[in-house]
Amino acid sequence: MSQPLYDFSVPVFVKALTNLKGQILKAQAFCVEKKVEESTLLQARLAIDMLPLVKQIQIATDNAKGTTARLIGVEPPKMEDVEQSLDELLTRIDKTLAFLATLKPEQFESATQTQIRLPYFPEKHFLGGEFLPEYGVPNFFFHVVTAYAILRQAGVNIGKADYMGSLSMYND
């Protein structure tokens, strides 16, 4: 059962974060072309009570490294939430991708039974096999899609293909 937890976490997070990098690169070009201050884009949000773009990306990266680290019982790399530019967010994504690249399928061998405790659910725990599909992946994608939606709403020229990325399709 170790392989599925690896397969449905590390490669999934890598693809989504790589796609998010592409969206941020397009956002940088948008800021130059439209003469939009990056700080304006970084603080954009979908609704007044939602977190801004910068925080969505910080949380998405934290989720990718935190989810995988919890599954295998290691400490995720610490990152301060200090990004103030799109370049700094790209660096944060790159650091997260570098961490994910160090993880191997065999590290996930007992992950289905690993007890996962989150500080905001005191006195409760998940088992890894339920944590990943019920919380880890959906929470990660909530923040990734929200970042995409903020960029799209701001006018950045991105679409579904930028969100989905390349597809593994074959000729008949």
C-alpha atoms as a PDB file:
ATOM      1  CA  MET A   1       0.000   0.000   0.000  1.00  0.00           C
ATOM      2  CA  SER A   2       3.022   2.328   0.206  1.00  0.00           C
ATOM      3  CA  GLN A   3       3.151   2.991  -3.514  1.00  0.00           C
ATOM      4  CA  PRO A   4      -0.371   4.490  -3.805  1.00  0.00           C
ATOM      5  CA  LEU A   5       0.220   7.010  -1.007  1.00  0.00           C
ATOM      6  CA  TYR A   6       3.435   8.091  -2.681  1.00  0.00           C
ATOM      7  CA  ASP A   7       1.807   8.112  -6.131  1.00  0.00           C
ATOM      8  CA  PHE A   8      -1.167  10.156  -4.964  1.00  0.00           C
ATOM      9  CA  SER A   9       0.903  12.697  -3.070  1.00  0.00           C
ATOM     10  CA  VAL A  10       4.407  13.476  -4.305  1.00  0.00           C
ATOM     11  CA  PRO A  11       3.852  13.376  -8.100  1.00  0.00           C
ATOM     12  CA  VAL A  12       0.466  15.083  -7.736  1.00  0.00           C
ATOM     13  CA  PHE A  13       1.942  17.919  -5.670  1.00  0.00           C
ATOM     14  CA  VAL A  14       4.930  18.254  -8.021  1.00  0.00           C
ATOM     15  CA  LYS A  15       2.708  18.599 -11.077  1.00  0.00           C
ATOM     16  CA  ALA A  16       0.356  21.120  -9.480  1.00  0.00           C
ATOM     17  CA  LEU A  17       3.209  23.234  -8.079  1.00  0.00           C
ATOM     18  CA  THR A  18       5.007  23.146 -11.427  1.00  0.00           C
ATOM     19  CA  ASN A  19       1.819  24.350 -13.108  1.00  0.00           C
ATOM     20  CA  LEU A  20       1.459  27.062 -10.454  1.00  0.00           C
ATOM     21  CA  LYS A  21       5.009  28.205 -11.245  1.00  0.00           C
ATOM     22  CA  GLY A  22       3.978  28.639 -14.868  1.00  0.00           C
ATOM     23  CA  GLN A  23       1.005  30.716 -13.796  1.00  0.00           C
ATOM     24  CA  ILE A  24       3.227  32.931 -11.657  1.00  0.00           C
ATOM     25  CA  LEU A  25       5.622  33.442 -14.567  1.00  0.00           C
ATOM     26  CA  LYS A  26       2.659  34.595 -16.640  1.00  0.00           C
ATOM     27  CA  ALA A  27       1.630  36.861 -13.757  1.00  0.00           C
ATOM     28  CA  GLN A  28       5.077  38.466 -13.823  1.00  0.00           C
ATOM     29  CA  ALA A  29       4.718  39.175 -17.538  1.00  0.00           C
ATOM     30  CA  PHE A  30       1.213  40.530 -16.903  1.00  0.00           C
ATOM     31  CA  CYS A  31       2.535  42.939 -14.265  1.00  0.00           C
ATOM     32  CA  VAL A  32       5.188  44.264 -16.659  1.00  0.00           C
ATOM     33  CA  GLU A  33       2.857  44.509 -19.655  1.00  0.00           C
ATOM     34  CA  LYS A  34      -0.052  46.109 -17.790  1.00  0.00           C
ATOM     35  CA  LYS A  35       2.152  48.144 -15.418  1.00  0.00           C
ATOM     36  CA  VAL A  36       0.573  46.497 -12.369  1.00  0.00           C
ATOM     37  CA  GLU A  37       2.505  46.584  -9.119  1.00  0.00           C
ATOM     38  CA  GLU A  38       3.322  43.046  -7.968  1.00  0.00           C
ATOM     39  CA  SER A  39       2.297  44.025  -4.445  1.00  0.00           C
ATOM     40  CA  THR A  40      -1.217  44.704  -5.737  1.00  0.00           C
ATOM     41  CA  LEU A  41      -1.397  41.238  -7.243  1.00  0.00           C
ATOM     42  CA  LEU A  42       0.122  39.608  -4.149  1.00  0.00           C
ATOM     43  CA  GLN A  43      -2.590  41.128  -1.972  1.00  0.00           C
ATOM     44  CA  ALA A  44      -5.467  40.355  -4.377  1.00  0.00           C
ATOM     45  CA  ARG A  45      -8.183  38.073  -3.035  1.00  0.00           C
ATOM     46  CA  LEU A  46     -11.412  36.555  -4.299  1.00  0.00           C
ATOM     47  CA  ALA A  47     -13.498  37.807  -1.385  1.00  0.00           C
ATOM     48  CA  ILE A  48     -12.841  40.219   1.418  1.00  0.00           C
ATOM     49  CA  ASP A  49     -12.812  37.434   4.006  1.00  0.00           C
ATOM     50  CA  MET A  50     -10.428  35.198   2.039  1.00  0.00           C
ATOM     51  CA  LEU A  51      -6.650  35.157   2.226  1.00  0.00           C
ATOM     52  CA  PRO A  52      -4.661  36.996  -0.472  1.00  0.00           C
ATOM     53  CA  LEU A  53      -2.674  35.396  -3.291  1.00  0.00           C
ATOM     54  CA  VAL A  54       0.623  35.427  -1.397  1.00  0.00           C
ATOM     55  CA  LYS A  55      -0.907  33.496   1.500  1.00  0.00           C
ATOM     56  CA  GLN A  56      -2.652  31.010  -0.818  1.00  0.00           C
ATOM     57  CA  ILE A  57       0.706  30.086  -2.348  1.00  0.00           C
ATOM     58  CA  GLN A  58       2.429  29.925   1.034  1.00  0.00           C
ATOM     59  CA  ILE A  59      -0.255  27.578   2.330  1.00  0.00           C
ATOM     60  CA  ALA A  60      -0.204  25.425  -0.823  1.00  0.00           C
ATOM     61  CA  THR A  61       3.554  24.894  -0.476  1.00  0.00           C
ATOM     62  CA  ASP A  62       3.198  24.261   3.258  1.00  0.00           C
ATOM     63  CA  ASN A  63       0.517  21.660   2.500  1.00  0.00           C
ATOM     64  CA  ALA A  64       2.639  19.840  -0.086  1.00  0.00           C
ATOM     65  CA  LYS A  65       5.641  19.506   2.193  1.00  0.00           C
ATOM     66  CA  GLY A  66       3.623  19.105   5.391  1.00  0.00           C
ATOM     67  CA  THR A  67       1.309  16.403   4.066  1.00  0.00           C
ATOM     68  CA  THR A  68       4.128  14.273   2.696  1.00  0.00           C
ATOM     69  CA  ALA A  69       6.363  14.813   5.731  1.00  0.00           C
ATOM     70  CA  ARG A  70       3.571  13.815   8.124  1.00  0.00           C
ATOM     71  CA  LEU A  71       2.874  10.653   6.142  1.00  0.00           C
ATOM     72  CA  ILE A  72       6.463   9.461   6.491  1.00  0.00           C
ATOM     73  CA  GLY A  73       7.189  10.866   9.947  1.00  0.00           C
ATOM     74  CA  VAL A  74       9.805  13.476   9.109  1.00  0.00           C
ATOM     75  CA  GLU A  75       9.981  17.160   9.856  1.00  0.00           C
ATOM     76  CA  PRO A  76       9.108  19.316   6.833  1.00  0.00           C
ATOM     77  CA  PRO A  77      11.485  22.116   5.908  1.00  0.00           C
ATOM     78  CA  LYS A  78      10.620  25.338   7.703  1.00  0.00           C
ATOM     79  CA  MET A  79       9.841  28.377   5.578  1.00  0.00           C
ATOM     80  CA  GLU A  80       9.100  31.798   6.944  1.00  0.00           C
ATOM     81  CA  ASP A  81       6.096  33.496   5.363  1.00  0.00           C
ATOM     82  CA  VAL A  82       8.011  36.587   4.238  1.00  0.00           C
ATOM     83  CA  GLU A  83       7.576  36.582   0.456  1.00  0.00           C
ATOM     84  CA  GLN A  84       6.972  40.053  -0.970  1.00  0.00           C
ATOM     85  CA  SER A  85       7.436  39.408  -4.687  1.00  0.00           C
ATOM     86  CA  LEU A  86       6.492  36.884  -7.320  1.00  0.00           C
ATOM     87  CA  ASP A  87      10.177  35.934  -7.611  1.00  0.00           C
ATOM     88  CA  GLU A  88      10.228  35.096  -3.916  1.00  0.00           C
ATOM     89  CA  LEU A  89       7.114  32.933  -4.351  1.00  0.00           C
ATOM     90  CA  LEU A  90       8.812  31.127  -7.237  1.00  0.00           C
ATOM     91  CA  THR A  91      11.791  30.464  -4.964  1.00  0.00           C
ATOM     92  CA  ARG A  92       9.464  29.104  -2.284  1.00  0.00           C
ATOM     93  CA  ILE A  93       7.863  26.747  -4.796  1.00  0.00           C
ATOM     94  CA  ASP A  94      11.316  25.645  -5.977  1.00  0.00           C
ATOM     95  CA  LYS A  95      12.362  24.876  -2.384  1.00  0.00           C
ATOM     96  CA  THR A  96       9.199  22.828  -1.922  1.00  0.00           C
ATOM     97  CA  LEU A  97       9.816  20.955  -5.178  1.00  0.00           C
ATOM     98  CA  ALA A  98      13.402  20.269  -4.067  1.00  0.00           C
ATOM     99  CA  PHE A  99      12.117  18.744  -0.815  1.00  0.00           C
ATOM    100  CA  LEU A 100       9.557  16.620  -2.657  1.00  0.00           C
ATOM    101  CA  ALA A 101      12.321  15.373  -4.988  1.00  0.00           C
ATOM    102  CA  THR A 102      14.117  13.845  -1.990  1.00  0.00           C
ATOM    103  CA  LEU A 103      11.168  11.609  -1.097  1.00  0.00           C
ATOM    104  CA  LYS A 104      11.133   7.975  -2.208  1.00  0.00           C
ATOM    105  CA  PRO A 105       8.201   5.532  -2.510  1.00  0.00           C
ATOM    106  CA  GLU A 106       9.689   3.152   0.068  1.00  0.00           C
ATOM    107  CA  GLN A 107       9.477   5.889   2.718  1.00  0.00           C
ATOM    108  CA  PHE A 108       5.679   5.577   2.480  1.00  0.00           C
ATOM    109  CA  GLU A 109       5.595   1.826   3.339  1.00  0.00           C
ATOM    110  CA  SER A 110       3.766   2.215   6.655  1.00  0.00           C
ATOM    111  CA  ALA A 111       2.138   5.554   5.876  1.00  0.00           C
ATOM    112  CA  THR A 112      -1.416   4.199   5.704  1.00  0.00           C
ATOM    113  CA  GLN A 113      -1.322   3.517   9.454  1.00  0.00           C
ATOM    114  CA  THR A 114       0.695   6.581  10.480  1.00  0.00           C
ATOM    115  CA  GLN A 115      -1.174   8.676  13.024  1.00  0.00           C
ATOM    116  CA  ILE A 116      -1.440  12.235  11.725  1.00  0.00           C
ATOM    117  CA  ARG A 117      -2.092  14.946  14.293  1.00  0.00           C
ATOM    118  CA  LEU A 118      -2.832  18.523  13.333  1.00  0.00           C
ATOM    119  CA  PRO A 119      -2.622  21.339  15.874  1.00  0.00           C
ATOM    120  CA  TYR A 120      -6.034  22.712  14.925  1.00  0.00           C
ATOM    121  CA  PHE A 121      -7.783  19.386  15.626  1.00  0.00           C
ATOM    122  CA  PRO A 122      -6.730  18.812  19.249  1.00  0.00           C
ATOM    123  CA  GLU A 123      -7.286  15.377  20.743  1.00  0.00           C
ATOM    124  CA  LYS A 124      -8.034  13.872  17.324  1.00  0.00           C
ATOM    125  CA  HIS A 125      -5.920  12.175  14.668  1.00  0.00           C
ATOM    126  CA  PHE A 126      -6.151  10.791  11.163  1.00  0.00           C
ATOM    127  CA  LEU A 127      -4.601   7.619   9.836  1.00  0.00           C
ATOM    128  CA  GLY A 128      -2.387   8.331   6.840  1.00  0.00           C
ATOM    129  CA  GLY A 129      -4.502   6.298   4.423  1.00  0.00           C
ATOM    130  CA  GLU A 130      -7.488   8.517   5.206  1.00  0.00           C
ATOM    131  CA  PHE A 131      -5.602  11.749   5.829  1.00  0.00           C
ATOM    132  CA  LEU A 132      -4.236  11.982   2.298  1.00  0.00           C
ATOM    133  CA  PRO A 133      -7.523  11.701   0.335  1.00  0.00           C
ATOM    134  CA  GLU A 134      -9.787  13.334   2.929  1.00  0.00           C
ATOM    135  CA  TYR A 135      -7.651  16.274   3.995  1.00  0.00           C
ATOM    136  CA  GLY A 136      -4.139  16.503   2.534  1.00  0.00           C
ATOM    137  CA  VAL A 137      -4.960  16.524  -1.175  1.00  0.00           C
ATOM    138  CA  PRO A 138      -8.252  18.498  -1.009  1.00  0.00           C
ATOM    139  CA  ASN A 139      -6.740  21.171   1.240  1.00  0.00           C
ATOM    140  CA  PHE A 140      -3.711  21.501  -1.053  1.00  0.00           C
ATOM    141  CA  PHE A 141      -5.898  21.882  -4.138  1.00  0.00           C
ATOM    142  CA  PHE A 142      -8.207  24.359  -2.424  1.00  0.00           C
ATOM    143  CA  HIS A 143      -5.264  26.759  -2.110  1.00  0.00           C
ATOM    144  CA  VAL A 144      -3.813  26.006  -5.560  1.00  0.00           C
ATOM    145  CA  VAL A 145      -7.130  26.589  -7.320  1.00  0.00           C
ATOM    146  CA  THR A 146      -7.772  29.712  -5.247  1.00  0.00           C
ATOM    147  CA  ALA A 147      -4.392  31.103  -6.320  1.00  0.00           C
ATOM    148  CA  TYR A 148      -5.289  30.304  -9.942  1.00  0.00           C
ATOM    149  CA  ALA A 149      -8.687  31.993  -9.557  1.00  0.00           C
ATOM    150  CA  ILE A 150      -7.150  35.126  -8.029  1.00  0.00           C
ATOM    151  CA  LEU A 151      -4.698  35.421 -10.925  1.00  0.00           C
ATOM    152  CA  ARG A 152      -7.443  34.800 -13.473  1.00  0.00           C
ATOM    153  CA  GLN A 153      -9.782  37.315 -11.836  1.00  0.00           C
ATOM    154  CA  ALA A 154      -6.970  39.903 -11.855  1.00  0.00           C
ATOM    155  CA  GLY A 155      -6.718  39.532 -15.621  1.00  0.00           C
ATOM    156  CA  VAL A 156      -3.629  37.334 -15.964  1.00  0.00           C
ATOM    157  CA  ASN A 157      -3.872  35.510 -19.297  1.00  0.00           C
ATOM    158  CA  ILE A 158      -4.149  31.962 -17.966  1.00  0.00           C
ATOM    159  CA  GLY A 159      -6.699  29.284 -18.607  1.00  0.00           C
ATOM    160  CA  LYS A 160      -7.611  25.721 -17.837  1.00  0.00           C
ATOM    161  CA  ALA A 161      -4.570  24.377 -19.703  1.00  0.00           C
ATOM    162  CA  ASP A 162      -2.299  26.403 -17.398  1.00  0.00           C
ATOM    163  CA  TYR A 163      -4.012  24.893 -14.378  1.00  0.00           C
ATOM    164  CA  MET A 164      -4.092  21.314 -15.706  1.00  0.00           C
ATOM    165  CA  GLY A 165      -0.641  21.264 -17.312  1.00  0.00           C
ATOM    166  CA  SER A 166       0.515  18.584 -19.703  1.00  0.00           C
ATOM    167  CA  LEU A 167      -1.513  15.404 -19.967  1.00  0.00           C
ATOM    168  CA  SER A 168      -0.215  11.859 -20.398  1.00  0.00           C
ATOM    169  CA  MET A 169      -2.055  10.965 -23.572  1.00  0.00           C
ATOM    170  CA  TYR A 170      -1.070   8.543 -26.312  1.00  0.00           C
ATOM    171  CA  ASN A 171      -1.908   8.120 -29.974  1.00  0.00           C
ATOM    172  CA  ASP A 172      -4.083   5.125 -30.821  1.00  0.00           C
END
